Protein backbone atom coordinates (compact mmCIF):
# COMPACT_ATOMS: atom_id res chain seq x y z
CA UNK A 1 1.15 -33.66 9.13
CA UNK A 2 -1.94 -33.25 7.32
CA UNK A 3 -2.37 -29.92 9.04
CA UNK A 4 1.35 -28.89 8.39
CA UNK A 5 0.99 -30.32 4.71
CA UNK A 6 -2.28 -27.87 4.17
CA UNK A 7 -0.44 -25.01 5.17
CA UNK A 8 3.19 -25.65 3.79
CA UNK A 9 1.03 -26.58 0.37
CA UNK A 10 -1.01 -23.32 1.39
CA UNK A 11 2.75 -21.38 1.02
CA UNK A 12 3.74 -22.99 -2.19
CA UNK A 13 0.96 -21.64 -3.53
CA UNK A 14 1.21 -17.77 -2.83
CA UNK A 15 4.40 -18.17 -4.05
CA UNK A 16 3.92 -19.68 -7.50
CA UNK A 17 1.01 -17.14 -8.00
CA UNK A 18 4.11 -14.31 -7.13
CA UNK A 19 5.86 -16.22 -9.82
CA UNK A 20 2.68 -16.01 -12.40
CA UNK A 21 1.74 -12.57 -11.12
CA UNK A 22 5.61 -11.68 -11.88
CA UNK A 23 5.41 -13.31 -15.78
CA UNK A 24 2.13 -11.79 -16.56
CA UNK A 25 4.28 -8.80 -16.14
CA UNK A 26 2.72 -7.27 -13.14
CA UNK A 27 4.79 -4.15 -11.77
CA UNK A 28 6.00 -6.16 -7.93
CA UNK A 29 5.26 -2.41 -6.83
CA UNK A 30 3.48 0.95 -7.06
CA UNK A 31 4.58 2.48 -10.58
CA UNK A 32 5.22 5.31 -8.71
CA UNK A 33 8.15 4.55 -7.36
CA UNK A 34 7.49 4.31 -3.96
CA UNK A 35 6.09 1.68 -0.83
CA UNK A 36 2.91 2.43 1.03
CA UNK A 37 2.05 0.72 4.37
CA UNK A 38 -1.43 1.95 3.68
CA UNK A 39 -3.16 3.59 0.86
CA UNK A 40 -6.22 5.53 1.90
CA UNK A 41 -6.96 7.12 -1.09
CA UNK A 42 -9.53 6.67 -4.14
CA UNK A 43 -6.48 7.17 -6.75
CA UNK A 44 -4.05 6.07 -8.96
CA UNK A 45 -2.57 4.44 -6.01
CA UNK A 46 -5.14 1.08 -4.68
CA UNK A 47 -4.47 -2.48 -5.62
CA UNK A 48 -1.11 -0.95 -5.50
CA UNK A 49 0.29 -0.30 -1.94
CA UNK A 50 0.57 -2.97 1.02
CA UNK A 51 -3.34 -1.86 2.23
CA UNK A 52 -6.24 -0.18 0.86
CA UNK A 53 -10.69 0.49 1.79
CA UNK A 54 -10.14 -2.55 -0.52
CA UNK A 55 -8.14 -4.71 2.04
CA UNK A 56 -11.23 -5.11 4.10
CA UNK A 57 -12.78 -7.48 0.91
CA UNK A 58 -10.08 -9.85 1.26
CA UNK A 59 -10.38 -9.81 5.03
CA UNK A 60 -13.86 -10.65 4.43
CA UNK A 61 -12.93 -13.37 1.46
CA UNK A 62 -11.06 -14.89 4.34
CA UNK A 63 -14.89 -15.32 6.49
CA UNK A 64 -16.76 -16.97 3.71
CA UNK A 65 -13.43 -19.15 2.24
CA UNK A 66 -13.35 -20.47 5.92
CA UNK A 67 -17.02 -21.34 5.60
CA UNK A 68 -17.29 -23.27 2.10
CA UNK A 69 -13.91 -25.19 3.86
CA UNK A 70 -15.70 -25.77 6.78
CA UNK A 71 -18.58 -27.17 4.52
CA UNK A 72 -17.01 -28.97 2.37
CA UNK A 73 -14.49 -30.29 3.89
CA UNK A 74 -15.32 -31.29 7.46
CA UNK A 75 -13.29 -33.85 8.72
CA UNK A 76 -9.90 -31.87 7.35
CA UNK A 77 -8.02 -29.99 9.86
CA UNK A 78 -7.53 -26.34 8.84
CA UNK A 79 -4.08 -26.64 6.86
CA UNK A 80 -5.93 -28.13 3.90
CA UNK A 81 -9.09 -25.96 4.20
CA UNK A 82 -6.29 -23.06 4.36
CA UNK A 83 -4.57 -24.54 1.39
CA UNK A 84 -7.77 -24.46 -0.49
CA UNK A 85 -9.14 -21.28 0.72
CA UNK A 86 -5.85 -19.64 -0.95
CA UNK A 87 -6.14 -21.68 -4.27
CA UNK A 88 -9.39 -20.06 -4.80
CA UNK A 89 -8.36 -16.28 -3.69
CA UNK A 90 -4.95 -17.19 -5.90
CA UNK A 91 -7.14 -18.04 -8.76
CA UNK A 92 -9.24 -14.47 -8.17
CA UNK A 93 -5.57 -12.14 -7.53
CA UNK A 94 -4.62 -14.03 -11.10
CA UNK A 95 -7.64 -13.76 -13.14
CA UNK A 96 -8.28 -9.90 -10.99
CA UNK A 97 -5.63 -9.19 -12.74
CA UNK A 98 -6.37 -10.47 -16.24
CA UNK A 99 -7.30 -7.77 -19.11
CA UNK A 100 -10.49 -9.50 -19.18
CA UNK A 101 -11.49 -8.33 -16.05
CA UNK A 102 -9.47 -5.09 -15.74
CA UNK A 103 -11.16 -3.95 -18.96
CA UNK A 104 -14.56 -4.96 -17.16
CA UNK A 105 -13.41 -2.65 -14.11
CA UNK A 106 -13.05 0.06 -15.78
CA UNK A 107 -16.37 -0.35 -18.32
CA UNK A 108 -18.62 -1.26 -15.26
CA UNK A 109 -17.39 0.07 -12.23
CA UNK A 110 -15.96 3.52 -10.78
CA UNK A 111 -12.26 2.14 -11.31
CA UNK A 112 -12.23 4.21 -14.44
CA UNK A 113 -8.09 4.04 -13.86
CA UNK A 114 -7.96 0.45 -12.75
CA UNK A 115 -4.90 -0.89 -14.22
CA UNK A 116 -4.42 -4.26 -12.01
CA UNK A 117 -2.60 -4.94 -8.96
CA UNK A 118 1.10 -4.63 -8.55
CA UNK A 119 2.54 -8.03 -7.63
CA UNK A 120 3.39 -7.20 -3.71
CA UNK A 121 -0.81 -6.08 -2.98
CA UNK A 122 -1.74 -8.99 -4.95
CA UNK A 123 -0.14 -10.79 -2.21
CA UNK A 124 -1.16 -8.79 0.54
CA UNK A 125 -4.62 -9.63 -0.38
CA UNK A 126 -3.99 -13.17 -0.47
CA UNK A 127 -2.18 -12.42 3.21
CA UNK A 128 -5.67 -10.47 4.23
CA UNK A 129 -7.79 -13.31 2.56
CA UNK A 130 -5.82 -15.65 5.23
CA UNK A 131 -6.11 -13.07 8.66
CA UNK A 132 -10.00 -13.11 7.57
CA UNK A 133 -10.33 -17.18 7.65
CA UNK A 134 -8.04 -17.63 10.36
CA UNK A 135 -10.00 -15.33 12.46
CA UNK A 136 -12.72 -17.41 11.23
CA UNK A 137 -11.54 -20.65 12.62
CA UNK A 138 -11.16 -19.34 15.72
CA UNK A 139 -13.54 -16.76 16.65
CA UNK A 140 -17.50 -17.74 17.10
CA UNK A 141 -19.38 -17.37 14.03
CA UNK A 142 -21.78 -14.70 15.14
CA UNK A 143 -18.72 -12.56 15.81
CA UNK A 144 -17.38 -13.24 12.28
CA UNK A 145 -20.71 -12.46 10.88
CA UNK A 146 -20.83 -8.88 12.76
CA UNK A 147 -17.38 -8.16 11.96
CA UNK A 148 -17.98 -8.86 7.90
CA UNK A 149 -21.01 -6.25 8.53
CA UNK A 150 -19.00 -4.15 10.27
CA UNK A 151 -16.40 -4.02 7.29
CA UNK A 152 -18.86 -3.91 4.71
CA UNK A 153 -20.39 -0.45 6.56
CA UNK A 154 -17.45 0.81 6.98
CA UNK A 155 -16.14 0.67 2.90
CA UNK A 156 -19.69 1.97 1.98
CA UNK A 157 -19.55 4.58 4.36
CA UNK A 158 -15.80 5.74 3.82
CA UNK A 159 -15.39 5.07 0.06
CA UNK A 160 -19.04 3.88 -1.54
CA UNK A 161 -18.03 0.68 -2.02
CA UNK A 162 -17.60 -2.85 -0.56
CA UNK A 163 -17.50 -6.39 -1.94
CA UNK A 164 -21.21 -6.76 -2.23
CA UNK A 165 -21.23 -3.89 -4.42
CA UNK A 166 -17.74 -5.36 -6.13
CA UNK A 167 -19.73 -8.28 -6.92
CA UNK A 168 -22.78 -7.07 -8.24
CA UNK A 169 -20.98 -3.99 -10.65
CA UNK A 170 -18.90 -6.65 -12.58
CA UNK A 171 -21.80 -9.07 -12.87
CA UNK A 172 -24.85 -7.01 -12.88
CA UNK A 173 -24.14 -2.86 -13.39
CA UNK A 174 -26.46 -0.37 -12.32
CA UNK A 175 -26.42 2.44 -13.78
CA UNK A 176 -27.83 4.32 -10.27
CA UNK A 177 -25.35 2.85 -8.11
CA UNK A 178 -21.87 3.53 -10.08
CA UNK A 179 -23.48 7.42 -10.13
CA UNK A 180 -24.15 7.36 -6.38
CA UNK A 181 -20.31 6.08 -6.40
CA UNK A 182 -19.08 8.19 -8.57
CA UNK A 183 -20.26 11.31 -6.22
CA UNK A 184 -18.07 10.74 -4.00
């Protein structure tokens, strides 16, 4: 029963986040007027469609949130752990789409034209985190760690950005990294 309630709670948290993003006047879909399943270009379409290179970071969020929830909620079934992970991801999605973080991305990273996520992309990011969480719940730890490293290296090779660099550049921008990233 607690497990089912946890999964339902996770869904309600995601729906409330969707409603809050709508109240924050986030665009429901890309302002370009269409929806792409995958947007691989590094342009104004990033964070506007269903998935892009930054979706890999959200899968890794799921890996990390699973590990944290397992450590903090060891006696709880997976449902309540997932609800906590979805809550944390949703708080990030709301914060990420606030003026303070949007402005920080513009000032400190290569995302000069970043205007925040569409609601569709935010919901997809929550889904990607959930997939990562559920993967980590089933896979051996070594497989999850290897998958996380592989996702980080793929994003680094293709777009010169990943979760590690994203956190670094938001928290403590380094001009040399920003210059290297902008050379793509």
